[in-house]
């Protein structure tokens, strides 16, 4: 019956003091009651909690050693597929500002259960052409007339539907499923701490067909 506070523009973009006043005073003429029994510290804690839901970049920092996590990011093979600060691969989504776009528990689930939700443009695809060629890569885009595939070497193939005999799209993530086993608990926590520090509010560069 009430507004979705995670998606609310006022929670996501409104001033802190304005949200504080709404909690304390309520909204006259609606069923939102005032909260006179809450102390000032408790009200600000509620404001902080709501912002942690609607503004991921404002959540409390994840415990761990981010410098050690950066080392894990490189040595565990994460940087072979993901880019941060202009360095790394392109086989997975760039992770610049990931913690400004996702909450900590969402990042954790992406690492431990990568097949749960595969990002758009990062599904593996195998295309059999009528000429007898077999192309394997990432499905970047498709429409009624064409299919765009990103190859392992970074090149793009733009294929006409008329030239395709069969296209097979994998539902699985290209990301390994065993990071929970390959990394011990300390390494994993440090990795999450490193990813949590990626909060710069800018749109990361993504390799795409439109860049060529």
C-alpha atoms as a PDB file:
ATOM      1  CA  UNK A   1       0.000   0.000   0.000  1.00  0.00           C
ATOM      2  CA  UNK A   2       2.947   2.307   0.547  1.00  0.00           C
ATOM      3  CA  UNK A   3       5.732   3.511  -1.748  1.00  0.00           C
ATOM      4  CA  UNK A   4       8.627   1.182  -2.593  1.00  0.00           C
ATOM      5  CA  UNK A   5      11.400   2.779  -0.551  1.00  0.00           C
ATOM      6  CA  UNK A   6      14.178   1.068  -2.496  1.00  0.00           C
ATOM      7  CA  UNK A   7      12.980   2.581  -5.784  1.00  0.00           C
ATOM      8  CA  UNK A   8      11.722   5.867  -4.343  1.00  0.00           C
ATOM      9  CA  UNK A   9      13.303   8.917  -5.982  1.00  0.00           C
ATOM     10  CA  UNK A  10      13.177  10.721  -2.671  1.00  0.00           C
ATOM     11  CA  UNK A  11      15.225   7.991  -0.991  1.00  0.00           C
ATOM     12  CA  UNK A  12      17.650   7.659  -3.901  1.00  0.00           C
ATOM     13  CA  UNK A  13      18.101  11.352  -4.708  1.00  0.00           C
ATOM     14  CA  UNK A  14      16.420  13.466  -2.037  1.00  0.00           C
ATOM     15  CA  UNK A  15      18.251  15.336   0.735  1.00  0.00           C
ATOM     16  CA  UNK A  16      19.103  13.486   3.940  1.00  0.00           C
ATOM     17  CA  UNK A  17      17.374  16.062   6.108  1.00  0.00           C
ATOM     18  CA  UNK A  18      14.188  15.796   4.061  1.00  0.00           C
ATOM     19  CA  UNK A  19      14.017  12.035   4.613  1.00  0.00           C
ATOM     20  CA  UNK A  20      14.767  12.571   8.295  1.00  0.00           C
ATOM     21  CA  UNK A  21      11.865  15.003   8.610  1.00  0.00           C
ATOM     22  CA  UNK A  22       9.445  12.620   6.872  1.00  0.00           C
ATOM     23  CA  UNK A  23      10.333   9.837   9.311  1.00  0.00           C
ATOM     24  CA  UNK A  24       9.959  12.118  12.332  1.00  0.00           C
ATOM     25  CA  UNK A  25       6.852  14.049  11.253  1.00  0.00           C
ATOM     26  CA  UNK A  26       5.161  11.579   8.914  1.00  0.00           C
ATOM     27  CA  UNK A  27       3.197  12.794   5.872  1.00  0.00           C
ATOM     28  CA  UNK A  28      -0.030  14.657   6.748  1.00  0.00           C
ATOM     29  CA  UNK A  29      -3.101  13.412   4.906  1.00  0.00           C
ATOM     30  CA  UNK A  30      -1.621   9.956   4.344  1.00  0.00           C
ATOM     31  CA  UNK A  31      -1.244   6.781   6.388  1.00  0.00           C
ATOM     32  CA  UNK A  32       2.445   7.550   6.981  1.00  0.00           C
ATOM     33  CA  UNK A  33       2.483   8.298  10.732  1.00  0.00           C
ATOM     34  CA  UNK A  34       5.022  10.380  12.643  1.00  0.00           C
ATOM     35  CA  UNK A  35       7.609   8.554  14.748  1.00  0.00           C
ATOM     36  CA  UNK A  36       7.966  10.701  17.886  1.00  0.00           C
ATOM     37  CA  UNK A  37       9.293   7.820  19.984  1.00  0.00           C
ATOM     38  CA  UNK A  38      12.437   7.338  17.902  1.00  0.00           C
ATOM     39  CA  UNK A  39      15.530   9.141  19.123  1.00  0.00           C
ATOM     40  CA  UNK A  40      17.595  11.312  16.769  1.00  0.00           C
ATOM     41  CA  UNK A  41      20.322   8.664  16.424  1.00  0.00           C
ATOM     42  CA  UNK A  42      17.747   5.991  15.602  1.00  0.00           C
ATOM     43  CA  UNK A  43      16.138   8.141  12.921  1.00  0.00           C
ATOM     44  CA  UNK A  44      19.503   8.765  11.281  1.00  0.00           C
ATOM     45  CA  UNK A  45      20.167   5.012  11.422  1.00  0.00           C
ATOM     46  CA  UNK A  46      16.913   4.440   9.530  1.00  0.00           C
ATOM     47  CA  UNK A  47      17.972   7.075   6.975  1.00  0.00           C
ATOM     48  CA  UNK A  48      21.348   5.326   6.589  1.00  0.00           C
ATOM     49  CA  UNK A  49      19.648   1.946   6.179  1.00  0.00           C
ATOM     50  CA  UNK A  50      17.284   3.221   3.482  1.00  0.00           C
ATOM     51  CA  UNK A  51      20.190   4.799   1.630  1.00  0.00           C
ATOM     52  CA  UNK A  52      22.102   1.504   1.795  1.00  0.00           C
ATOM     53  CA  UNK A  53      19.194  -0.045  -0.135  1.00  0.00           C
ATOM     54  CA  UNK A  54      18.579   2.733  -2.634  1.00  0.00           C
ATOM     55  CA  UNK A  55      22.138   4.062  -2.943  1.00  0.00           C
ATOM     56  CA  UNK A  56      24.555   1.106  -2.974  1.00  0.00           C
ATOM     57  CA  UNK A  57      27.599   3.386  -3.016  1.00  0.00           C
ATOM     58  CA  UNK A  58      26.676   4.763   0.404  1.00  0.00           C
ATOM     59  CA  UNK A  59      26.635   1.411   2.172  1.00  0.00           C
ATOM     60  CA  UNK A  60      29.124   0.773   5.006  1.00  0.00           C
ATOM     61  CA  UNK A  61      32.476  -0.571   3.747  1.00  0.00           C
ATOM     62  CA  UNK A  62      32.854  -4.332   3.561  1.00  0.00           C
ATOM     63  CA  UNK A  63      35.409  -5.647   6.097  1.00  0.00           C
ATOM     64  CA  UNK A  64      38.668  -6.959   4.712  1.00  0.00           C
ATOM     65  CA  UNK A  65      41.954  -5.813   3.190  1.00  0.00           C
ATOM     66  CA  UNK A  66      41.241  -4.191  -0.203  1.00  0.00           C
ATOM     67  CA  UNK A  67      44.944  -4.099  -1.138  1.00  0.00           C
ATOM     68  CA  UNK A  68      45.195  -7.840  -0.578  1.00  0.00           C
ATOM     69  CA  UNK A  69      41.923  -8.177  -2.477  1.00  0.00           C
ATOM     70  CA  UNK A  70      43.426  -6.378  -5.482  1.00  0.00           C
ATOM     71  CA  UNK A  71      46.198  -8.998  -5.496  1.00  0.00           C
ATOM     72  CA  UNK A  72      43.591 -11.786  -5.346  1.00  0.00           C
ATOM     73  CA  UNK A  73      41.695 -10.132  -8.208  1.00  0.00           C
ATOM     74  CA  UNK A  74      44.804 -10.378 -10.384  1.00  0.00           C
ATOM     75  CA  UNK A  75      46.181 -13.764  -9.321  1.00  0.00           C
ATOM     76  CA  UNK A  76      42.838 -15.611  -9.252  1.00  0.00           C
ATOM     77  CA  UNK A  77      42.234 -14.744 -12.891  1.00  0.00           C
ATOM     78  CA  UNK A  78      39.465 -12.157 -12.380  1.00  0.00           C
ATOM     79  CA  UNK A  79      41.378  -9.500 -14.320  1.00  0.00           C
ATOM     80  CA  UNK A  80      41.631 -11.781 -17.345  1.00  0.00           C
ATOM     81  CA  UNK A  81      37.928 -11.165 -17.989  1.00  0.00           C
ATOM     82  CA  UNK A  82      37.005  -8.009 -16.045  1.00  0.00           C
ATOM     83  CA  UNK A  83      38.343  -4.463 -16.292  1.00  0.00           C
ATOM     84  CA  UNK A  84      38.946  -2.026 -13.449  1.00  0.00           C
ATOM     85  CA  UNK A  85      40.580   1.381 -13.957  1.00  0.00           C
ATOM     86  CA  UNK A  86      41.222   0.600 -17.616  1.00  0.00           C
ATOM     87  CA  UNK A  87      43.122  -2.640 -16.934  1.00  0.00           C
ATOM     88  CA  UNK A  88      41.946  -6.187 -17.533  1.00  0.00           C
ATOM     89  CA  UNK A  89      39.993  -8.242 -20.028  1.00  0.00           C
ATOM     90  CA  UNK A  90      36.659  -7.806 -21.750  1.00  0.00           C
ATOM     91  CA  UNK A  91      35.123 -11.299 -21.549  1.00  0.00           C
ATOM     92  CA  UNK A  92      33.131 -10.248 -18.473  1.00  0.00           C
ATOM     93  CA  UNK A  93      31.392  -6.999 -17.487  1.00  0.00           C
ATOM     94  CA  UNK A  94      33.665  -4.125 -16.415  1.00  0.00           C
ATOM     95  CA  UNK A  95      33.690  -3.689 -12.643  1.00  0.00           C
ATOM     96  CA  UNK A  96      34.480   0.018 -12.391  1.00  0.00           C
ATOM     97  CA  UNK A  97      31.972   1.531  -9.941  1.00  0.00           C
ATOM     98  CA  UNK A  98      30.410  -1.914  -9.330  1.00  0.00           C
ATOM     99  CA  UNK A  99      29.719  -1.047  -5.672  1.00  0.00           C
ATOM    100  CA  UNK A 100      27.941   2.139  -6.726  1.00  0.00           C
ATOM    101  CA  UNK A 101      25.578  -0.007  -8.803  1.00  0.00           C
ATOM    102  CA  UNK A 102      25.161  -3.109  -6.635  1.00  0.00           C
ATOM    103  CA  UNK A 103      24.847  -3.847  -2.942  1.00  0.00           C
ATOM    104  CA  UNK A 104      27.496  -5.921  -1.176  1.00  0.00           C
ATOM    105  CA  UNK A 105      25.356  -9.064  -0.975  1.00  0.00           C
ATOM    106  CA  UNK A 106      24.600  -8.820  -4.705  1.00  0.00           C
ATOM    107  CA  UNK A 107      28.329  -8.654  -5.516  1.00  0.00           C
ATOM    108  CA  UNK A 108      28.921 -11.656  -3.266  1.00  0.00           C
ATOM    109  CA  UNK A 109      26.231 -13.656  -5.063  1.00  0.00           C
ATOM    110  CA  UNK A 110      27.658 -12.687  -8.469  1.00  0.00           C
ATOM    111  CA  UNK A 111      31.021 -14.169  -7.467  1.00  0.00           C
ATOM    112  CA  UNK A 112      29.753 -17.311  -5.747  1.00  0.00           C
ATOM    113  CA  UNK A 113      26.801 -18.034  -8.069  1.00  0.00           C
ATOM    114  CA  UNK A 114      27.663 -16.412 -11.423  1.00  0.00           C
ATOM    115  CA  UNK A 115      25.062 -18.421 -13.308  1.00  0.00           C
ATOM    116  CA  UNK A 116      22.233 -16.974 -11.246  1.00  0.00           C
ATOM    117  CA  UNK A 117      22.018 -13.874 -13.429  1.00  0.00           C
ATOM    118  CA  UNK A 118      24.138 -13.467 -16.559  1.00  0.00           C
ATOM    119  CA  UNK A 119      24.624  -9.845 -17.630  1.00  0.00           C
ATOM    120  CA  UNK A 120      23.176  -8.783 -20.963  1.00  0.00           C
ATOM    121  CA  UNK A 121      25.790  -9.067 -23.694  1.00  0.00           C
ATOM    122  CA  UNK A 122      27.841 -11.720 -21.896  1.00  0.00           C
ATOM    123  CA  UNK A 123      26.105 -14.959 -22.884  1.00  0.00           C
ATOM    124  CA  UNK A 124      28.268 -17.455 -24.761  1.00  0.00           C
ATOM    125  CA  UNK A 125      27.109 -18.314 -28.241  1.00  0.00           C
ATOM    126  CA  UNK A 126      28.088 -20.754 -31.004  1.00  0.00           C
ATOM    127  CA  UNK A 127      27.087 -19.803 -34.545  1.00  0.00           C
ATOM    128  CA  UNK A 128      27.153 -22.300 -37.423  1.00  0.00           C
ATOM    129  CA  UNK A 129      27.172 -20.541 -40.767  1.00  0.00           C
ATOM    130  CA  UNK A 130      25.865 -21.907 -44.056  1.00  0.00           C
ATOM    131  CA  UNK A 131      29.408 -21.589 -45.393  1.00  0.00           C
ATOM    132  CA  UNK A 132      30.553 -24.186 -42.850  1.00  0.00           C
ATOM    133  CA  UNK A 133      32.255 -21.838 -40.366  1.00  0.00           C
ATOM    134  CA  UNK A 134      31.770 -22.185 -36.612  1.00  0.00           C
ATOM    135  CA  UNK A 135      32.092 -18.998 -34.559  1.00  0.00           C
ATOM    136  CA  UNK A 136      32.279 -19.026 -30.767  1.00  0.00           C
ATOM    137  CA  UNK A 137      32.087 -15.874 -28.674  1.00  0.00           C
ATOM    138  CA  UNK A 138      29.799 -13.607 -26.693  1.00  0.00           C
ATOM    139  CA  UNK A 139      26.410 -12.599 -28.037  1.00  0.00           C
ATOM    140  CA  UNK A 140      26.542  -8.802 -27.931  1.00  0.00           C
ATOM    141  CA  UNK A 141      23.420  -7.998 -29.892  1.00  0.00           C
ATOM    142  CA  UNK A 142      20.877  -9.521 -32.232  1.00  0.00           C
ATOM    143  CA  UNK A 143      17.857  -8.363 -34.169  1.00  0.00           C
ATOM    144  CA  UNK A 144      15.646  -9.559 -36.996  1.00  0.00           C
ATOM    145  CA  UNK A 145      18.396  -9.158 -39.588  1.00  0.00           C
ATOM    146  CA  UNK A 146      21.770  -9.647 -37.896  1.00  0.00           C
ATOM    147  CA  UNK A 147      23.769 -11.126 -35.019  1.00  0.00           C
ATOM    148  CA  UNK A 148      26.804  -9.455 -33.429  1.00  0.00           C
ATOM    149  CA  UNK A 149      29.405 -11.712 -31.785  1.00  0.00           C
ATOM    150  CA  UNK A 150      32.470 -10.642 -29.793  1.00  0.00           C
ATOM    151  CA  UNK A 151      35.354 -13.040 -30.431  1.00  0.00           C
ATOM    152  CA  UNK A 152      38.071 -14.057 -27.976  1.00  0.00           C
ATOM    153  CA  UNK A 153      40.684 -11.926 -29.765  1.00  0.00           C
ATOM    154  CA  UNK A 154      38.559  -8.810 -29.282  1.00  0.00           C
ATOM    155  CA  UNK A 155      37.306  -8.611 -32.849  1.00  0.00           C
ATOM    156  CA  UNK A 156      33.641  -8.410 -33.783  1.00  0.00           C
ATOM    157  CA  UNK A 157      31.718 -10.508 -36.279  1.00  0.00           C
ATOM    158  CA  UNK A 158      28.561  -9.043 -37.763  1.00  0.00           C
ATOM    159  CA  UNK A 159      26.556 -11.867 -39.313  1.00  0.00           C
ATOM    160  CA  UNK A 160      23.477 -11.656 -41.481  1.00  0.00           C
ATOM    161  CA  UNK A 161      20.619 -13.933 -40.440  1.00  0.00           C
ATOM    162  CA  UNK A 162      20.508 -15.179 -44.004  1.00  0.00           C
ATOM    163  CA  UNK A 163      24.028 -16.596 -43.633  1.00  0.00           C
ATOM    164  CA  UNK A 164      23.367 -18.464 -40.366  1.00  0.00           C
ATOM    165  CA  UNK A 165      22.398 -22.122 -40.312  1.00  0.00           C
ATOM    166  CA  UNK A 166      22.133 -22.498 -36.531  1.00  0.00           C
ATOM    167  CA  UNK A 167      22.751 -20.404 -33.424  1.00  0.00           C
ATOM    168  CA  UNK A 168      23.158 -21.901 -29.959  1.00  0.00           C
ATOM    169  CA  UNK A 169      23.027 -19.570 -26.939  1.00  0.00           C
ATOM    170  CA  UNK A 170      24.289 -20.881 -23.610  1.00  0.00           C
ATOM    171  CA  UNK A 171      22.276 -20.153 -20.471  1.00  0.00           C
ATOM    172  CA  UNK A 172      25.388 -20.597 -18.310  1.00  0.00           C
ATOM    173  CA  UNK A 173      27.802 -17.882 -17.270  1.00  0.00           C
ATOM    174  CA  UNK A 174      31.309 -17.917 -18.809  1.00  0.00           C
ATOM    175  CA  UNK A 175      32.620 -17.188 -15.303  1.00  0.00           C
ATOM    176  CA  UNK A 176      34.077 -20.157 -13.338  1.00  0.00           C
ATOM    177  CA  UNK A 177      31.726 -21.604 -10.724  1.00  0.00           C
ATOM    178  CA  UNK A 178      34.347 -22.695  -8.181  1.00  0.00           C
ATOM    179  CA  UNK A 179      35.718 -19.462  -6.689  1.00  0.00           C
ATOM    180  CA  UNK A 180      34.159 -20.466  -3.376  1.00  0.00           C
ATOM    181  CA  UNK A 181      36.425 -23.521  -3.396  1.00  0.00           C
ATOM    182  CA  UNK A 182      39.534 -22.031  -5.017  1.00  0.00           C
ATOM    183  CA  UNK A 183      39.822 -19.153  -2.535  1.00  0.00           C
ATOM    184  CA  UNK A 184      39.986 -19.515   1.237  1.00  0.00           C
ATOM    185  CA  UNK A 185      37.706 -17.426   3.446  1.00  0.00           C
ATOM    186  CA  UNK A 186      40.284 -14.658   4.014  1.00  0.00           C
ATOM    187  CA  UNK A 187      41.094 -14.321   0.311  1.00  0.00           C
ATOM    188  CA  UNK A 188      37.404 -14.225  -0.529  1.00  0.00           C
ATOM    189  CA  UNK A 189      36.689 -11.551   2.080  1.00  0.00           C
ATOM    190  CA  UNK A 190      39.613  -9.432   0.848  1.00  0.00           C
ATOM    191  CA  UNK A 191      38.329  -9.772  -2.725  1.00  0.00           C
ATOM    192  CA  UNK A 192      34.886  -8.555  -1.651  1.00  0.00           C
ATOM    193  CA  UNK A 193      36.509  -5.656   0.206  1.00  0.00           C
ATOM    194  CA  UNK A 194      38.403  -4.676  -2.953  1.00  0.00           C
ATOM    195  CA  UNK A 195      35.301  -4.864  -5.156  1.00  0.00           C
ATOM    196  CA  UNK A 196      33.343  -2.892  -2.550  1.00  0.00           C
ATOM    197  CA  UNK A 197      35.806   0.005  -2.889  1.00  0.00           C
ATOM    198  CA  UNK A 198      34.927   0.401  -6.589  1.00  0.00           C
ATOM    199  CA  UNK A 199      32.394   3.188  -6.054  1.00  0.00           C
ATOM    200  CA  UNK A 200      33.405   5.897  -8.528  1.00  0.00           C
ATOM    201  CA  UNK A 201      30.136   7.301  -9.975  1.00  0.00           C
ATOM    202  CA  UNK A 202      30.938   7.016 -13.676  1.00  0.00           C
ATOM    203  CA  UNK A 203      29.791   4.750 -16.483  1.00  0.00           C
ATOM    204  CA  UNK A 204      32.563   2.241 -17.255  1.00  0.00           C
ATOM    205  CA  UNK A 205      33.800   1.806 -20.810  1.00  0.00           C
ATOM    206  CA  UNK A 206      32.485  -1.333 -22.466  1.00  0.00           C
ATOM    207  CA  UNK A 207      33.883  -2.835 -25.617  1.00  0.00           C
ATOM    208  CA  UNK A 208      31.070  -2.828 -28.160  1.00  0.00           C
ATOM    209  CA  UNK A 209      30.410  -2.993 -31.862  1.00  0.00           C
ATOM    210  CA  UNK A 210      29.645   0.718 -31.876  1.00  0.00           C
ATOM    211  CA  UNK A 211      33.288   1.402 -30.856  1.00  0.00           C
ATOM    212  CA  UNK A 212      34.581   0.073 -34.189  1.00  0.00           C
END
